[in-house]
């Protein structure tokens, strides 16, 4: 009984801390770093989106699809229907001075509705097949084409 009370006390003591640190974060499924300013990378991303018939830009504008910090889109082929959201790391002050840009895949869902983010546990180390399938499609349809336009070597994190 005493041990149980101690465990509950430790949990209650640390739960506000972990809630502040971990709560509300989506985490990152995979990140890509480019040695360029954000505007150049963003322009290449939208060029790929406009030219790739498999990518459909999400038309609903909200916090996770403001076309500045976040871009949400679908990849649709006969076999695939995935939803993705990518995030530009940093804020306007950072983007104005940074010489590198990091984009992070933060949400990914397959046609079966499976997926999510690293933060919510939907796409993590214990869903390796799902994670690899979603990342492979994201990279084939977007990232590799962005790399081709930019003609530079990116760093994968």
Protein backbone atom coordinates (compact mmCIF):
# COMPACT_ATOMS: atom_id res chain seq x y z
CA UNK A 1 0.00 0.00 0.00
CA UNK A 2 2.80 2.39 0.94
CA UNK A 3 4.63 1.61 -2.31
CA UNK A 4 1.49 2.31 -4.30
CA UNK A 5 1.07 5.70 -2.62
CA UNK A 6 4.72 6.55 -3.38
CA UNK A 7 4.25 5.68 -7.06
CA UNK A 8 1.11 7.83 -7.25
CA UNK A 9 2.93 10.73 -5.54
CA UNK A 10 5.87 10.51 -7.97
CA UNK A 11 3.48 10.40 -10.91
CA UNK A 12 1.53 13.43 -9.66
CA UNK A 13 4.75 15.32 -9.02
CA UNK A 14 6.11 14.78 -12.53
CA UNK A 15 2.89 14.81 -14.56
CA UNK A 16 2.68 18.63 -14.75
CA UNK A 17 6.29 18.76 -15.92
CA UNK A 18 5.88 16.11 -18.60
CA UNK A 19 2.57 17.65 -19.63
CA UNK A 20 4.25 21.01 -20.21
CA UNK A 21 7.19 19.52 -22.03
CA UNK A 22 5.40 16.89 -24.10
CA UNK A 23 1.80 18.00 -24.26
CA UNK A 24 0.57 19.52 -27.49
CA UNK A 25 3.61 18.66 -29.55
CA UNK A 26 3.35 16.76 -32.79
CA UNK A 27 6.99 15.76 -32.90
CA UNK A 28 8.66 15.02 -36.18
CA UNK A 29 8.41 11.85 -38.23
CA UNK A 30 11.42 12.78 -40.38
CA UNK A 31 13.29 16.01 -41.15
CA UNK A 32 15.21 17.29 -44.15
CA UNK A 33 17.75 20.11 -43.97
CA UNK A 34 18.62 22.28 -46.96
CA UNK A 35 21.56 24.74 -47.02
CA UNK A 36 19.28 27.47 -48.42
CA UNK A 37 16.96 30.16 -47.16
CA UNK A 38 13.35 29.20 -46.51
CA UNK A 39 11.92 31.15 -49.46
CA UNK A 40 13.98 29.11 -51.95
CA UNK A 41 12.91 25.79 -50.44
CA UNK A 42 9.27 26.87 -50.13
CA UNK A 43 9.24 27.99 -53.78
CA UNK A 44 10.62 24.60 -54.88
CA UNK A 45 8.02 22.76 -52.77
CA UNK A 46 5.15 24.68 -54.36
CA UNK A 47 6.64 24.17 -57.82
CA UNK A 48 6.57 20.40 -57.20
CA UNK A 49 3.03 20.56 -55.81
CA UNK A 50 1.78 22.50 -58.85
CA UNK A 51 3.52 20.21 -61.36
CA UNK A 52 2.92 16.79 -59.77
CA UNK A 53 -0.48 15.40 -60.76
CA UNK A 54 -0.41 13.05 -57.76
CA UNK A 55 -0.28 15.88 -55.21
CA UNK A 56 -3.43 17.75 -54.21
CA UNK A 57 -2.90 20.81 -52.03
CA UNK A 58 -5.33 20.97 -49.12
CA UNK A 59 -7.58 23.96 -49.76
CA UNK A 60 -8.71 24.37 -46.15
CA UNK A 61 -6.63 27.09 -44.53
CA UNK A 62 -6.03 26.75 -40.80
CA UNK A 63 -3.18 26.65 -38.30
CA UNK A 64 -1.74 23.45 -39.79
CA UNK A 65 -2.16 24.66 -43.36
CA UNK A 66 -1.21 28.31 -43.55
CA UNK A 67 1.25 27.85 -46.47
CA UNK A 68 3.93 29.54 -44.39
CA UNK A 69 4.73 27.42 -41.33
CA UNK A 70 2.74 24.36 -42.42
CA UNK A 71 1.70 22.89 -45.76
CA UNK A 72 -0.94 20.15 -45.93
CA UNK A 73 -1.57 18.04 -49.00
CA UNK A 74 -2.68 14.65 -50.26
CA UNK A 75 -0.81 12.22 -52.47
CA UNK A 76 -3.24 10.31 -54.64
CA UNK A 77 -2.41 7.51 -57.08
CA UNK A 78 -4.43 4.41 -58.01
CA UNK A 79 -2.83 2.58 -55.06
CA UNK A 80 -2.16 5.41 -52.62
CA UNK A 81 -4.21 8.09 -50.88
CA UNK A 82 -2.10 9.61 -48.14
CA UNK A 83 -2.47 12.86 -46.19
CA UNK A 84 0.65 14.78 -45.20
CA UNK A 85 1.55 17.93 -43.30
CA UNK A 86 5.05 19.35 -43.39
CA UNK A 87 6.40 22.06 -41.12
CA UNK A 88 9.09 24.68 -41.65
CA UNK A 89 11.13 24.70 -38.45
CA UNK A 90 11.60 28.08 -36.81
CA UNK A 91 9.73 31.37 -36.94
CA UNK A 92 9.87 34.54 -39.06
CA UNK A 93 12.76 36.01 -37.09
CA UNK A 94 14.74 32.79 -37.55
CA UNK A 95 13.84 32.52 -41.25
CA UNK A 96 15.03 36.08 -41.91
CA UNK A 97 18.55 35.27 -40.70
CA UNK A 98 19.01 31.52 -41.16
CA UNK A 99 21.06 30.16 -44.03
CA UNK A 100 19.54 26.69 -43.72
CA UNK A 101 15.97 25.48 -43.85
CA UNK A 102 14.61 22.42 -42.10
CA UNK A 103 11.33 20.92 -43.21
CA UNK A 104 9.79 18.24 -41.05
CA UNK A 105 7.10 15.73 -41.90
CA UNK A 106 4.84 16.13 -38.85
CA UNK A 107 1.62 14.33 -39.82
CA UNK A 108 1.08 11.41 -42.18
CA UNK A 109 -2.02 9.28 -42.67
CA UNK A 110 -2.59 6.42 -45.09
CA UNK A 111 -5.79 5.75 -47.02
CA UNK A 112 -6.91 3.44 -44.24
CA UNK A 113 -6.74 6.31 -41.73
CA UNK A 114 -3.75 4.81 -39.94
CA UNK A 115 -0.98 7.20 -39.03
CA UNK A 116 -0.65 10.43 -37.14
CA UNK A 117 2.46 12.01 -35.75
CA UNK A 118 5.40 10.93 -33.68
CA UNK A 119 3.98 12.93 -30.78
CA UNK A 120 0.65 11.11 -30.72
CA UNK A 121 2.26 7.70 -31.29
CA UNK A 122 0.54 7.10 -34.62
CA UNK A 123 3.83 6.98 -36.54
CA UNK A 124 6.75 5.90 -34.38
CA UNK A 125 9.37 3.27 -33.78
CA UNK A 126 6.75 0.61 -33.03
CA UNK A 127 4.94 1.11 -36.37
CA UNK A 128 7.95 0.64 -38.67
CA UNK A 129 6.11 -0.71 -41.73
CA UNK A 130 3.53 2.07 -41.66
CA UNK A 131 6.19 4.69 -41.03
CA UNK A 132 8.39 3.46 -43.88
CA UNK A 133 5.46 3.24 -46.31
CA UNK A 134 4.32 6.79 -45.53
CA UNK A 135 7.85 8.23 -45.67
CA UNK A 136 8.71 6.43 -48.92
CA UNK A 137 5.69 7.95 -50.66
CA UNK A 138 6.42 11.43 -49.22
CA UNK A 139 10.00 11.26 -50.41
CA UNK A 140 9.15 9.85 -53.88
CA UNK A 141 6.41 12.34 -54.64
CA UNK A 142 7.81 15.48 -52.98
CA UNK A 143 11.27 15.46 -51.40
CA UNK A 144 13.22 13.89 -54.26
CA UNK A 145 11.56 16.24 -56.74
CA UNK A 146 12.40 19.24 -54.54
CA UNK A 147 16.01 18.00 -54.42
CA UNK A 148 16.03 17.80 -58.21
CA UNK A 149 14.79 21.39 -58.58
CA UNK A 150 17.21 22.76 -55.98
CA UNK A 151 20.13 20.64 -57.27
CA UNK A 152 21.78 20.45 -53.87
CA UNK A 153 22.55 17.81 -51.29
CA UNK A 154 20.19 17.86 -48.36
CA UNK A 155 20.81 16.38 -44.94
CA UNK A 156 18.24 13.90 -43.61
CA UNK A 157 17.76 14.00 -39.86
